[in-house]
Amino acid sequence: NRLEHRGVLHAKLQLEGVQLPLHCLCVHMNMVGSGKLKQLGDVAG
């Protein structure tokens, strides 16, 4: 909605001696349950 700005920060980290990147997702979820369900779908996608 227009009142609550929410998002996902996705960072790829390169760990020493590890070939695969480490993905970090930092989420800021909605206050309302129905909004959280939509956001969980967005994060999973």
All heavy atoms as atom14 arrays in JSON, in Angstrom:
{
  "sequence": "NRLEHRGVLHAKLQLEGVQLPLHCLCVHMNMVGSGKLKQLGDVAG",
  "atom14_mask": [
    [1, 1, 1, 1, 1, 1, 1, 1, 0, 0, 0, 0, 0, 0],
    [1, 1, 1, 1, 1, 1, 1, 1, 1, 1, 1, 0, 0, 0],
    [1, 1, 1, 1, 1, 1, 1, 1, 0, 0, 0, 0, 0, 0],
    [1, 1, 1, 1, 1, 1, 1, 1, 1, 0, 0, 0, 0, 0],
    [1, 1, 1, 1, 1, 1, 1, 1, 1, 1, 0, 0, 0, 0],
    [1, 1, 1, 1, 1, 1, 1, 1, 1, 1, 1, 0, 0, 0],
    [1, 1, 1, 1, 0, 0, 0, 0, 0, 0, 0, 0, 0, 0],
    [1, 1, 1, 1, 1, 1, 1, 0, 0, 0, 0, 0, 0, 0],
    [1, 1, 1, 1, 1, 1, 1, 1, 0, 0, 0, 0, 0, 0],
    [1, 1, 1, 1, 1, 1, 1, 1, 1, 1, 0, 0, 0, 0],
    [1, 1, 1, 1, 1, 0, 0, 0, 0, 0, 0, 0, 0, 0],
    [1, 1, 1, 1, 1, 1, 1, 1, 1, 0, 0, 0, 0, 0],
    [1, 1, 1, 1, 1, 1, 1, 1, 0, 0, 0, 0, 0, 0],
    [1, 1, 1, 1, 1, 1, 1, 1, 1, 0, 0, 0, 0, 0],
    [1, 1, 1, 1, 1, 1, 1, 1, 0, 0, 0, 0, 0, 0],
    [1, 1, 1, 1, 1, 1, 1, 1, 1, 0, 0, 0, 0, 0],
    [1, 1, 1, 1, 0, 0, 0, 0, 0, 0, 0, 0, 0, 0],
    [1, 1, 1, 1, 1, 1, 1, 0, 0, 0, 0, 0, 0, 0],
    [1, 1, 1, 1, 1, 1, 1, 1, 1, 0, 0, 0, 0, 0],
    [1, 1, 1, 1, 1, 1, 1, 1, 0, 0, 0, 0, 0, 0],
    [1, 1, 1, 1, 1, 1, 1, 0, 0, 0, 0, 0, 0, 0],
    [1, 1, 1, 1, 1, 1, 1, 1, 0, 0, 0, 0, 0, 0],
    [1, 1, 1, 1, 1, 1, 1, 1, 1, 1, 0, 0, 0, 0],
    [1, 1, 1, 1, 1, 1, 0, 0, 0, 0, 0, 0, 0, 0],
    [1, 1, 1, 1, 1, 1, 1, 1, 0, 0, 0, 0, 0, 0],
    [1, 1, 1, 1, 1, 1, 0, 0, 0, 0, 0, 0, 0, 0],
    [1, 1, 1, 1, 1, 1, 1, 0, 0, 0, 0, 0, 0, 0],
    [1, 1, 1, 1, 1, 1, 1, 1, 1, 1, 0, 0, 0, 0],
    [1, 1, 1, 1, 1, 1, 1, 1, 0, 0, 0, 0, 0, 0],
    [1, 1, 1, 1, 1, 1, 1, 1, 0, 0, 0, 0, 0, 0],
    [1, 1, 1, 1, 1, 1, 1, 1, 0, 0, 0, 0, 0, 0],
    [1, 1, 1, 1, 1, 1, 1, 0, 0, 0, 0, 0, 0, 0],
    [1, 1, 1, 1, 0, 0, 0, 0, 0, 0, 0, 0, 0, 0],
    [1, 1, 1, 1, 1, 1, 0, 0, 0, 0, 0, 0, 0, 0],
    [1, 1, 1, 1, 0, 0, 0, 0, 0, 0, 0, 0, 0, 0],
    [1, 1, 1, 1, 1, 1, 1, 1, 1, 0, 0, 0, 0, 0],
    [1, 1, 1, 1, 1, 1, 1, 1, 0, 0, 0, 0, 0, 0],
    [1, 1, 1, 1, 1, 1, 1, 1, 1, 0, 0, 0, 0, 0],
    [1, 1, 1, 1, 1, 1, 1, 1, 1, 0, 0, 0, 0, 0],
    [1, 1, 1, 1, 1, 1, 1, 1, 0, 0, 0, 0, 0, 0],
    [1, 1, 1, 1, 0, 0, 0, 0, 0, 0, 0, 0, 0, 0],
    [1, 1, 1, 1, 1, 1, 1, 1, 0, 0, 0, 0, 0, 0],
    [1, 1, 1, 1, 1, 1, 1, 0, 0, 0, 0, 0, 0, 0],
    [1, 1, 1, 1, 1, 0, 0, 0, 0, 0, 0, 0, 0, 0],
    [1, 1, 1, 1, 0, 0, 0, 0, 0, 0, 0, 0, 0, 0]
  ],
  "atom14_positions": [
    [[0.85, -1.18, 0.0], [0.0, 0.0, 0.0], [0.89, 1.24, 0.0], [2.1, 1.15, 0.13], [-0.97, -0.01, 1.2], [-0.25, 0.01, 2.52], [0.44, 0.98, 2.85], [-0.38, -1.04, 3.31], [0.0, 0.0, 0.0], [0.0, 0.0, 0.0], [0.0, 0.0, 0.0], [0.0, 0.0, 0.0], [0.0, 0.0, 0.0], [0.0, 0.0, 0.0]],
    [[0.27, 2.41, -0.14], [1.04, 3.66, -0.25], [1.56, 4.16, 1.1], [2.44, 5.0, 1.15], [0.2, 4.74, -0.89], [-0.13, 4.45, -2.34], [-0.95, 5.53, -2.94], [-2.19, 5.69, -2.13], [-3.15, 6.54, -2.39], [-3.05, 7.34, -3.4], [-4.22, 6.6, -1.62], [0.0, 0.0, 0.0], [0.0, 0.0, 0.0], [0.0, 0.0, 0.0]],
    [[1.01, 3.66, 2.19], [1.37, 4.18, 3.51], [2.59, 3.5, 4.12], [3.29, 4.13, 4.92], [0.17, 4.05, 4.46], [-1.09, 4.78, 4.02], [-2.23, 4.5, 4.98], [-0.83, 6.28, 3.9], [0.0, 0.0, 0.0], [0.0, 0.0, 0.0], [0.0, 0.0, 0.0], [0.0, 0.0, 0.0], [0.0, 0.0, 0.0], [0.0, 0.0, 0.0]],
    [[2.8, 2.24, 3.81], [3.91, 1.49, 4.4], [4.89, 1.08, 3.3], [4.56, 0.27, 2.44], [3.41, 0.23, 5.1], [2.51, 0.5, 6.27], [2.02, -0.79, 6.92], [1.8, -1.79, 6.21], [1.86, -0.78, 8.14], [0.0, 0.0, 0.0], [0.0, 0.0, 0.0], [0.0, 0.0, 0.0], [0.0, 0.0, 0.0], [0.0, 0.0, 0.0]],
    [[6.06, 1.66, 3.32], [7.08, 1.32, 2.33], [7.88, 0.12, 2.84], [8.46, 0.16, 3.92], [8.01, 2.51, 2.07], [7.29, 3.68, 1.51], [6.86, 3.72, 0.2], [6.88, 4.84, 2.08], [6.24, 4.85, -0.01], [6.23, 5.55, 1.12], [0.0, 0.0, 0.0], [0.0, 0.0, 0.0], [0.0, 0.0, 0.0], [0.0, 0.0, 0.0]],
    [[7.87, -0.96, 2.08], [8.52, -2.2, 2.46], [9.38, -2.71, 1.31], [9.11, -2.41, 0.14], [7.49, -3.28, 2.83], [6.53, -2.87, 3.93], [7.28, -2.77, 5.25], [6.37, -2.52, 6.35], [6.39, -1.45, 7.12], [7.27, -0.51, 6.89], [5.56, -1.31, 8.11], [0.0, 0.0, 0.0], [0.0, 0.0, 0.0], [0.0, 0.0, 0.0]],
    [[10.39, -3.51, 1.64], [11.24, -4.02, 0.58], [12.16, -5.13, 1.04], [12.19, -5.51, 2.21], [0.0, 0.0, 0.0], [0.0, 0.0, 0.0], [0.0, 0.0, 0.0], [0.0, 0.0, 0.0], [0.0, 0.0, 0.0], [0.0, 0.0, 0.0], [0.0, 0.0, 0.0], [0.0, 0.0, 0.0], [0.0, 0.0, 0.0], [0.0, 0.0, 0.0]],
    [[12.9, -5.65, 0.06], [13.89, -6.7, 0.28], [15.24, -6.2, -0.23], [15.35, -5.74, -1.37], [13.52, -8.0, -0.48], [14.57, -9.07, -0.25], [12.15, -8.5, -0.09], [0.0, 0.0, 0.0], [0.0, 0.0, 0.0], [0.0, 0.0, 0.0], [0.0, 0.0, 0.0], [0.0, 0.0, 0.0], [0.0, 0.0, 0.0], [0.0, 0.0, 0.0]],
    [[16.24, -6.28, 0.63], [17.61, -5.99, 0.23], [18.29, -7.33, 0.0], [18.29, -8.19, 0.87], [18.33, -5.2, 1.33], [19.81, -4.92, 1.14], [20.06, -4.14, -0.14], [20.35, -4.17, 2.35], [0.0, 0.0, 0.0], [0.0, 0.0, 0.0], [0.0, 0.0, 0.0], [0.0, 0.0, 0.0], [0.0, 0.0, 0.0], [0.0, 0.0, 0.0]],
    [[18.82, -7.53, -1.2], [19.49, -8.79, -1.57], [20.96, -8.47, -1.84], [21.29, -7.68, -2.73], [18.83, -9.38, -2.82], [19.53, -10.59, -3.34], [19.36, -11.03, -4.63], [20.4, -11.47, -2.78], [20.08, -12.12, -4.84], [20.72, -12.4, -3.72], [0.0, 0.0, 0.0], [0.0, 0.0, 0.0], [0.0, 0.0, 0.0], [0.0, 0.0, 0.0]],
    [[21.84, -9.08, -1.07], [23.28, -8.91, -1.26], [23.93, -10.26, -1.51], [23.57, -11.26, -0.88], [23.92, -8.24, -0.05], [0.0, 0.0, 0.0], [0.0, 0.0, 0.0], [0.0, 0.0, 0.0], [0.0, 0.0, 0.0], [0.0, 0.0, 0.0], [0.0, 0.0, 0.0], [0.0, 0.0, 0.0], [0.0, 0.0, 0.0], [0.0, 0.0, 0.0]],
    [[24.87, -10.29, -2.44], [25.7, -11.48, -2.67], [27.05, -11.2, -2.02], [27.71, -10.22, -2.35], [25.91, -11.74, -4.16], [24.74, -12.28, -4.88], [25.17, -12.59, -6.31], [24.03, -13.01, -7.18], [24.49, -13.31, -8.55], [0.0, 0.0, 0.0], [0.0, 0.0, 0.0], [0.0, 0.0, 0.0], [0.0, 0.0, 0.0], [0.0, 0.0, 0.0]],
    [[27.43, -12.09, -1.12], [28.71, -11.94, -0.43], [29.68, -12.98, -0.94], [29.29, -14.12, -1.24], [28.53, -12.12, 1.08], [27.49, -11.23, 1.75], [27.45, -11.52, 3.25], [27.76, -9.78, 1.49], [0.0, 0.0, 0.0], [0.0, 0.0, 0.0], [0.0, 0.0, 0.0], [0.0, 0.0, 0.0], [0.0, 0.0, 0.0], [0.0, 0.0, 0.0]],
    [[30.95, -12.61, -1.04], [31.99, -13.54, -1.45], [32.84, -13.89, -0.24], [33.6, -13.05, 0.24], [32.84, -12.95, -2.57], [33.75, -13.95, -3.21], [32.98, -15.14, -3.77], [32.07, -14.98, -4.56], [33.35, -16.33, -3.35], [0.0, 0.0, 0.0], [0.0, 0.0, 0.0], [0.0, 0.0, 0.0], [0.0, 0.0, 0.0], [0.0, 0.0, 0.0]],
    [[32.68, -15.1, 0.25], [33.45, -15.56, 1.41], [34.8, -16.1, 0.95], [34.89, -16.74, -0.1], [32.69, -16.64, 2.17], [31.56, -16.16, 3.08], [30.48, -15.44, 2.34], [31.02, -17.29, 3.89], [0.0, 0.0, 0.0], [0.0, 0.0, 0.0], [0.0, 0.0, 0.0], [0.0, 0.0, 0.0], [0.0, 0.0, 0.0], [0.0, 0.0, 0.0]],
    [[35.82, -15.85, 1.75], [37.17, -16.28, 1.4], [37.23, -17.8, 1.34], [36.78, -18.5, 2.25], [38.15, -15.76, 2.46], [39.59, -16.01, 2.11], [40.53, -15.38, 3.11], [40.23, -14.28, 3.61], [41.57, -16.0, 3.39], [0.0, 0.0, 0.0], [0.0, 0.0, 0.0], [0.0, 0.0, 0.0], [0.0, 0.0, 0.0], [0.0, 0.0, 0.0]],
    [[37.76, -18.31, 0.24], [37.94, -19.75, 0.07], [36.67, -20.49, -0.34], [36.68, -21.71, -0.4], [0.0, 0.0, 0.0], [0.0, 0.0, 0.0], [0.0, 0.0, 0.0], [0.0, 0.0, 0.0], [0.0, 0.0, 0.0], [0.0, 0.0, 0.0], [0.0, 0.0, 0.0], [0.0, 0.0, 0.0], [0.0, 0.0, 0.0], [0.0, 0.0, 0.0]],
    [[35.59, -19.77, -0.6], [34.32, -20.4, -0.99], [33.96, -19.91, -2.38], [33.91, -18.7, -2.63], [33.19, -20.05, 0.02], [31.88, -20.68, -0.4], [33.58, -20.45, 1.42], [0.0, 0.0, 0.0], [0.0, 0.0, 0.0], [0.0, 0.0, 0.0], [0.0, 0.0, 0.0], [0.0, 0.0, 0.0], [0.0, 0.0, 0.0], [0.0, 0.0, 0.0]],
    [[33.7, -20.85, -3.29], [33.41, -20.45, -4.67], [32.0, -19.91, -4.85], [31.79, -18.96, -5.6], [33.64, -21.63, -5.62], [35.09, -21.99, -5.78], [35.29, -23.08, -6.8], [34.36, -23.65, -7.34], [36.55, -23.39, -7.08], [0.0, 0.0, 0.0], [0.0, 0.0, 0.0], [0.0, 0.0, 0.0], [0.0, 0.0, 0.0], [0.0, 0.0, 0.0]],
    [[31.02, -20.5, -4.16], [29.64, -20.06, -4.32], [29.39, -18.78, -3.51], [29.91, -18.63, -2.41], [28.68, -21.15, -3.83], [28.68, -22.47, -4.6], [27.79, -23.48, -3.91], [28.25, -22.25, -6.03], [0.0, 0.0, 0.0], [0.0, 0.0, 0.0], [0.0, 0.0, 0.0], [0.0, 0.0, 0.0], [0.0, 0.0, 0.0], [0.0, 0.0, 0.0]],
    [[28.57, -17.87, -4.05], [28.25, -16.69, -3.26], [27.28, -17.03, -2.14], [26.51, -17.99, -2.23], [27.57, -15.77, -4.29], [26.95, -16.71, -5.26], [27.91, -17.88, -5.35], [0.0, 0.0, 0.0], [0.0, 0.0, 0.0], [0.0, 0.0, 0.0], [0.0, 0.0, 0.0], [0.0, 0.0, 0.0], [0.0, 0.0, 0.0], [0.0, 0.0, 0.0]],
    [[27.34, -16.26, -1.07], [26.36, -16.36, 0.01], [25.33, -15.28, -0.24], [25.65, -14.09, -0.29], [27.03, -16.15, 1.37], [26.09, -16.0, 2.56], [25.24, -17.25, 2.76], [26.88, -15.68, 3.82], [0.0, 0.0, 0.0], [0.0, 0.0, 0.0], [0.0, 0.0, 0.0], [0.0, 0.0, 0.0], [0.0, 0.0, 0.0], [0.0, 0.0, 0.0]],
    [[24.08, -15.68, -0.43], [23.0, -14.73, -0.65], [22.41, -14.33, 0.7], [22.1, -15.2, 1.53], [21.9, -15.36, -1.51], [22.34, -15.68, -2.89], [22.13, -14.83, -3.96], [22.99, -16.75, -3.4], [22.62, -15.36, -5.05], [23.15, -16.54, -4.74], [0.0, 0.0, 0.0], [0.0, 0.0, 0.0], [0.0, 0.0, 0.0], [0.0, 0.0, 0.0]],
    [[22.24, -13.04, 0.91], [21.6, -12.53, 2.12], [20.39, -11.7, 1.7], [20.52, -10.77, 0.9], [22.56, -11.65, 2.9], [23.99, -12.55, 3.53], [0.0, 0.0, 0.0], [0.0, 0.0, 0.0], [0.0, 0.0, 0.0], [0.0, 0.0, 0.0], [0.0, 0.0, 0.0], [0.0, 0.0, 0.0], [0.0, 0.0, 0.0], [0.0, 0.0, 0.0]],
    [[19.23, -12.07, 2.23], [18.01, -11.31, 1.98], [17.58, -10.7, 3.3], [17.36, -11.4, 4.28], [16.9, -12.21, 1.45], [17.15, -12.93, 0.12], [15.94, -13.79, -0.24], [17.43, -11.95, -0.98], [0.0, 0.0, 0.0], [0.0, 0.0, 0.0], [0.0, 0.0, 0.0], [0.0, 0.0, 0.0], [0.0, 0.0, 0.0], [0.0, 0.0, 0.0]],
    [[17.46, -9.39, 3.31], [17.0, -8.66, 4.49], [15.62, -8.09, 4.14], [15.49, -7.3, 3.2], [17.98, -7.54, 4.82], [17.49, -6.58, 6.26], [0.0, 0.0, 0.0], [0.0, 0.0, 0.0], [0.0, 0.0, 0.0], [0.0, 0.0, 0.0], [0.0, 0.0, 0.0], [0.0, 0.0, 0.0], [0.0, 0.0, 0.0], [0.0, 0.0, 0.0]],
    [[14.6, -8.53, 4.87], [13.23, -8.15, 4.55], [12.66, -7.19, 5.6], [13.02, -7.24, 6.77], [12.31, -9.39, 4.43], [12.79, -10.3, 3.32], [12.22, -10.15, 5.73], [0.0, 0.0, 0.0], [0.0, 0.0, 0.0], [0.0, 0.0, 0.0], [0.0, 0.0, 0.0], [0.0, 0.0, 0.0], [0.0, 0.0, 0.0], [0.0, 0.0, 0.0]],
    [[11.79, -6.32, 5.14], [11.04, -5.41, 6.02], [9.58, -5.68, 5.72], [9.06, -5.3, 4.68], [11.43, -3.97, 5.71], [10.86, -2.97, 6.67], [10.8, -3.19, 8.02], [10.33, -1.74, 6.47], [10.25, -2.14, 8.61], [9.96, -1.25, 7.69], [0.0, 0.0, 0.0], [0.0, 0.0, 0.0], [0.0, 0.0, 0.0], [0.0, 0.0, 0.0]],
    [[8.92, -6.42, 6.64], [7.58, -6.94, 6.38], [6.49, -5.94, 6.75], [6.66, -5.08, 7.61], [7.37, -8.24, 7.16], [8.37, -9.34, 6.81], [8.32, -9.85, 5.1], [6.83, -10.83, 5.12], [0.0, 0.0, 0.0], [0.0, 0.0, 0.0], [0.0, 0.0, 0.0], [0.0, 0.0, 0.0], [0.0, 0.0, 0.0], [0.0, 0.0, 0.0]],
    [[5.34, -6.12, 6.14], [4.15, -5.33, 6.38], [3.62, -5.58, 7.79], [3.86, -6.63, 8.38], [3.1, -5.74, 5.34], [1.97, -4.76, 5.2], [1.35, -4.38, 6.19], [1.7, -4.35, 3.98], [0.0, 0.0, 0.0], [0.0, 0.0, 0.0], [0.0, 0.0, 0.0], [0.0, 0.0, 0.0], [0.0, 0.0, 0.0], [0.0, 0.0, 0.0]],
    [[2.88, -4.63, 8.32], [2.29, -4.76, 9.65], [1.0, -5.59, 9.62], [0.59, -6.14, 10.63], [1.98, -3.38, 10.23], [3.21, -2.51, 10.42], [4.28, -3.12, 11.72], [3.35, -2.65, 13.15], [0.0, 0.0, 0.0], [0.0, 0.0, 0.0], [0.0, 0.0, 0.0], [0.0, 0.0, 0.0], [0.0, 0.0, 0.0], [0.0, 0.0, 0.0]],
    [[0.33, -5.67, 8.47], [-0.96, -6.35, 8.34], [-0.74, -7.77, 7.81], [0.05, -7.97, 6.89], [-1.88, -5.56, 7.39], [-3.22, -6.25, 7.21], [-2.08, -4.14, 7.9], [0.0, 0.0, 0.0], [0.0, 0.0, 0.0], [0.0, 0.0, 0.0], [0.0, 0.0, 0.0], [0.0, 0.0, 0.0], [0.0, 0.0, 0.0], [0.0, 0.0, 0.0]],
    [[-1.44, -8.74, 8.39], [-1.26, -10.14, 8.03], [-1.43, -10.43, 6.55], [-0.64, -11.16, 5.96], [0.0, 0.0, 0.0], [0.0, 0.0, 0.0], [0.0, 0.0, 0.0], [0.0, 0.0, 0.0], [0.0, 0.0, 0.0], [0.0, 0.0, 0.0], [0.0, 0.0, 0.0], [0.0, 0.0, 0.0], [0.0, 0.0, 0.0], [0.0, 0.0, 0.0]],
    [[-2.45, -9.89, 5.91], [-2.68, -10.17, 4.49], [-1.54, -9.6, 3.64], [-1.15, -10.21, 2.65], [-4.02, -9.59, 4.03], [-4.04, -8.18, 4.22], [0.0, 0.0, 0.0], [0.0, 0.0, 0.0], [0.0, 0.0, 0.0], [0.0, 0.0, 0.0], [0.0, 0.0, 0.0], [0.0, 0.0, 0.0], [0.0, 0.0, 0.0], [0.0, 0.0, 0.0]],
    [[-0.99, -8.45, 4.05], [0.17, -7.89, 3.33], [1.4, -8.75, 3.5], [2.19, -8.91, 2.56], [0.0, 0.0, 0.0], [0.0, 0.0, 0.0], [0.0, 0.0, 0.0], [0.0, 0.0, 0.0], [0.0, 0.0, 0.0], [0.0, 0.0, 0.0], [0.0, 0.0, 0.0], [0.0, 0.0, 0.0], [0.0, 0.0, 0.0], [0.0, 0.0, 0.0]],
    [[1.57, -9.32, 4.7], [2.71, -10.2, 4.94], [2.66, -11.43, 4.04], [3.68, -11.88, 3.52], [2.75, -10.65, 6.39], [3.23, -9.58, 7.34], [3.28, -10.09, 8.76], [3.63, -8.95, 9.68], [3.67, -9.34, 11.07], [0.0, 0.0, 0.0], [0.0, 0.0, 0.0], [0.0, 0.0, 0.0], [0.0, 0.0, 0.0], [0.0, 0.0, 0.0]],
    [[1.46, -11.99, 3.85], [1.34, -13.17, 2.99], [1.75, -12.85, 1.57], [2.45, -13.64, 0.92], [-0.09, -13.71, 3.03], [-0.51, -14.37, 4.33], [-1.99, -14.76, 4.27], [0.35, -15.58, 4.63], [0.0, 0.0, 0.0], [0.0, 0.0, 0.0], [0.0, 0.0, 0.0], [0.0, 0.0, 0.0], [0.0, 0.0, 0.0], [0.0, 0.0, 0.0]],
    [[1.33, -11.7, 1.04], [1.74, -11.31, -0.3], [3.26, -11.11, -0.36], [3.92, -11.56, -1.29], [1.04, -10.03, -0.74], [1.44, -9.63, -2.16], [0.97, -8.26, -2.53], [1.42, -7.86, -3.9], [2.83, -8.01, -4.18], [0.0, 0.0, 0.0], [0.0, 0.0, 0.0], [0.0, 0.0, 0.0], [0.0, 0.0, 0.0], [0.0, 0.0, 0.0]],
    [[3.81, -10.46, 0.67], [5.25, -10.23, 0.69], [6.03, -11.54, 0.78], [7.09, -11.67, 0.16], [5.61, -9.32, 1.86], [5.17, -7.89, 1.63], [5.43, -7.03, 2.83], [5.0, -7.36, 3.93], [6.14, -5.95, 2.62], [0.0, 0.0, 0.0], [0.0, 0.0, 0.0], [0.0, 0.0, 0.0], [0.0, 0.0, 0.0], [0.0, 0.0, 0.0]],
    [[5.55, -12.5, 1.55], [6.22, -13.8, 1.61], [6.28, -14.44, 0.23], [7.29, -15.03, -0.14], [5.52, -14.71, 2.61], [5.75, -14.37, 4.08], [4.86, -15.25, 4.97], [7.2, -14.52, 4.47], [0.0, 0.0, 0.0], [0.0, 0.0, 0.0], [0.0, 0.0, 0.0], [0.0, 0.0, 0.0], [0.0, 0.0, 0.0], [0.0, 0.0, 0.0]],
    [[5.2, -14.32, -0.53], [5.21, -14.82, -1.91], [6.22, -14.09, -2.76], [6.93, -14.7, -3.57], [0.0, 0.0, 0.0], [0.0, 0.0, 0.0], [0.0, 0.0, 0.0], [0.0, 0.0, 0.0], [0.0, 0.0, 0.0], [0.0, 0.0, 0.0], [0.0, 0.0, 0.0], [0.0, 0.0, 0.0], [0.0, 0.0, 0.0], [0.0, 0.0, 0.0]],
    [[6.32, -12.76, -2.58], [7.31, -11.96, -3.32], [8.73, -12.39, -2.98], [9.58, -12.52, -3.85], [7.14, -10.47, -3.03], [5.85, -9.89, -3.57], [5.2, -10.53, -4.42], [5.49, -8.77, -3.13], [0.0, 0.0, 0.0], [0.0, 0.0, 0.0], [0.0, 0.0, 0.0], [0.0, 0.0, 0.0], [0.0, 0.0, 0.0], [0.0, 0.0, 0.0]],
    [[8.99, -12.6, -1.68], [10.34, -13.01, -1.24], [10.67, -14.4, -1.77], [11.78, -14.63, -2.26], [10.45, -12.96, 0.3], [11.76, -13.59, 0.77], [10.34, -11.53, 0.8], [0.0, 0.0, 0.0], [0.0, 0.0, 0.0], [0.0, 0.0, 0.0], [0.0, 0.0, 0.0], [0.0, 0.0, 0.0], [0.0, 0.0, 0.0], [0.0, 0.0, 0.0]],
    [[9.71, -15.32, -1.72], [9.94, -16.67, -2.25], [10.21, -16.62, -3.75], [11.12, -17.31, -4.25], [8.74, -17.56, -1.95], [0.0, 0.0, 0.0], [0.0, 0.0, 0.0], [0.0, 0.0, 0.0], [0.0, 0.0, 0.0], [0.0, 0.0, 0.0], [0.0, 0.0, 0.0], [0.0, 0.0, 0.0], [0.0, 0.0, 0.0], [0.0, 0.0, 0.0]],
    [[9.47, -15.8, -4.48], [9.7, -15.67, -5.91], [11.07, -15.1, -6.22], [11.77, -15.58, -7.12], [0.0, 0.0, 0.0], [0.0, 0.0, 0.0], [0.0, 0.0, 0.0], [0.0, 0.0, 0.0], [0.0, 0.0, 0.0], [0.0, 0.0, 0.0], [0.0, 0.0, 0.0], [0.0, 0.0, 0.0], [0.0, 0.0, 0.0], [0.0, 0.0, 0.0]]
  ]
}
